[in-house]
Amino acid sequence: MARVEQNSMPISLHYALTDSQCSVCGGQLEWQADFDNINQPKYISQHCNQEYAIHIDTVKVEVVGKASKDKQGYEQEKNLISTKEGEPKALQMAEAMKRQQQQPENSEKK
């Protein structure tokens, strides 16, 4: 286990949460999440009359797979239901298609 020192080197979050030791007695630190300030999330711990903090500065976001068909269908339904100026998107799309079909008919009559 690694003892915590002032301005120590960055390490993985998992390692910091599971293997950090008090710099005074060497006891394992127990961490509590403190996400009150979303701009500076951190974990905090207290031991031997000292306060410790793990600041989360960077994260990795990755694609882990494709969405299931059920989830994709739900997202598409949600998009169709969404409104613009109080009108359902499905109605807007239907009216746009109707206008497109009427345009060739109007140009043929001329």
Protein backbone atom coordinates (compact mmCIF):
# COMPACT_ATOMS: atom_id res chain seq x y z
CA MET A 1 0.00 0.00 0.00
CA ALA A 2 1.11 3.53 -0.75
CA ARG A 3 1.33 6.17 1.94
CA VAL A 4 -0.25 9.46 0.97
CA GLU A 5 2.18 12.35 0.71
CA GLN A 6 1.65 16.03 0.03
CA ASN A 7 1.31 16.65 -3.75
CA SER A 8 1.84 12.99 -4.57
CA MET A 9 2.00 11.70 -8.15
CA PRO A 10 -1.27 10.95 -9.99
CA ILE A 11 -2.39 7.31 -9.81
CA SER A 12 -5.46 5.39 -10.92
CA LEU A 13 -8.68 6.13 -9.06
CA HIS A 14 -9.20 2.47 -8.16
CA TYR A 15 -5.73 2.20 -6.69
CA ALA A 16 -6.13 5.46 -4.77
CA LEU A 17 -9.46 4.39 -3.28
CA THR A 18 -8.37 0.89 -2.30
CA ASP A 19 -4.70 1.19 -1.38
CA SER A 20 -4.12 4.65 0.14
CA GLN A 21 -2.65 4.75 3.65
CA CYS A 22 -2.54 7.42 6.32
CA SER A 23 0.77 9.31 6.20
CA VAL A 24 0.98 9.30 10.03
CA CYS A 25 0.10 5.76 11.15
CA GLY A 26 -0.08 3.78 7.89
CA GLY A 27 -3.74 2.81 8.39
CA GLN A 28 -5.90 2.28 5.32
CA LEU A 29 -8.02 5.31 4.40
CA GLU A 30 -11.78 5.03 3.96
CA TRP A 31 -13.13 7.39 1.31
CA GLN A 32 -16.49 9.14 0.96
CA ALA A 33 -17.67 10.62 -2.34
CA ASP A 34 -18.17 14.39 -2.33
CA PHE A 35 -19.90 15.35 -5.57
CA ASP A 36 -21.63 18.47 -4.23
CA ASN A 37 -19.66 20.62 -6.67
CA ILE A 38 -19.99 18.91 -10.06
CA ASN A 39 -17.16 21.06 -11.42
CA GLN A 40 -14.73 19.69 -8.82
CA PRO A 41 -15.84 16.18 -7.81
CA LYS A 42 -13.68 14.53 -5.16
CA TYR A 43 -13.39 11.82 -2.55
CA ILE A 44 -12.52 12.82 1.01
CA SER A 45 -11.12 10.98 4.01
CA GLN A 46 -10.01 11.84 7.55
CA HIS A 47 -7.47 9.91 9.61
CA CYS A 48 -5.11 10.78 12.49
CA ASN A 49 -6.46 14.34 12.61
CA GLN A 50 -5.55 14.90 8.93
CA GLU A 51 -7.81 15.44 5.95
CA TYR A 52 -7.18 13.80 2.58
CA ALA A 53 -8.79 14.47 -0.79
CA ILE A 54 -8.75 12.76 -4.18
CA HIS A 55 -9.65 15.27 -6.90
CA ILE A 56 -11.11 13.84 -10.10
CA ASP A 57 -9.69 15.99 -12.90
CA THR A 58 -9.94 13.81 -15.98
CA VAL A 59 -12.14 10.92 -17.04
CA LYS A 60 -12.24 8.60 -20.00
CA VAL A 61 -15.49 8.22 -21.93
CA GLU A 62 -15.66 5.34 -24.36
CA VAL A 63 -18.17 3.54 -26.56
CA VAL A 64 -18.75 0.12 -25.05
CA GLY A 65 -21.12 -1.29 -27.65
CA LYS A 66 -24.13 -0.65 -29.80
CA ALA A 67 -27.51 0.03 -28.26
CA SER A 68 -30.00 -2.83 -28.26
CA LYS A 69 -32.89 -2.71 -30.72
CA ASP A 70 -35.36 -2.02 -27.90
CA LYS A 71 -33.37 0.98 -26.76
CA GLN A 72 -32.99 2.29 -30.32
CA GLY A 73 -36.75 1.98 -30.88
CA TYR A 74 -37.44 3.87 -27.68
CA GLU A 75 -35.07 6.68 -28.71
CA GLN A 76 -36.72 6.92 -32.14
CA GLU A 77 -40.19 7.04 -30.57
CA LYS A 78 -39.04 9.72 -28.18
CA ASN A 79 -37.74 11.78 -31.12
CA LEU A 80 -41.02 11.45 -33.00
CA ILE A 81 -43.00 12.58 -29.98
CA SER A 82 -40.82 15.61 -29.33
CA THR A 83 -42.52 18.84 -30.26
CA LYS A 84 -41.47 21.96 -32.07
CA GLU A 85 -43.76 24.93 -31.57
CA GLY A 86 -46.32 22.62 -29.93
CA GLU A 87 -46.68 20.32 -32.96
CA PRO A 88 -45.57 16.67 -32.82
CA LYS A 89 -42.59 15.89 -35.03
CA ALA A 90 -44.53 13.11 -36.79
CA LEU A 91 -47.10 15.67 -37.99
CA GLN A 92 -44.35 17.99 -39.18
CA MET A 93 -42.79 15.15 -41.16
CA ALA A 94 -46.15 14.13 -42.68
CA GLU A 95 -46.89 17.70 -43.76
CA ALA A 96 -43.41 18.06 -45.29
CA MET A 97 -43.90 14.84 -47.28
CA LYS A 98 -47.33 16.04 -48.43
CA ARG A 99 -45.83 19.31 -49.67
CA GLN A 100 -43.08 17.42 -51.52
CA GLN A 101 -45.66 15.23 -53.27
CA GLN A 102 -47.76 18.26 -54.23
CA GLN A 103 -44.81 20.17 -55.74
CA PRO A 104 -44.32 17.82 -58.74
CA GLU A 105 -48.08 17.81 -59.39
CA ASN A 106 -48.17 21.61 -59.44
CA SER A 107 -45.20 21.83 -61.82
CA GLU A 108 -46.84 19.31 -64.24
CA LYS A 109 -50.04 21.39 -64.40
CA LYS A 110 -48.17 24.50 -65.52
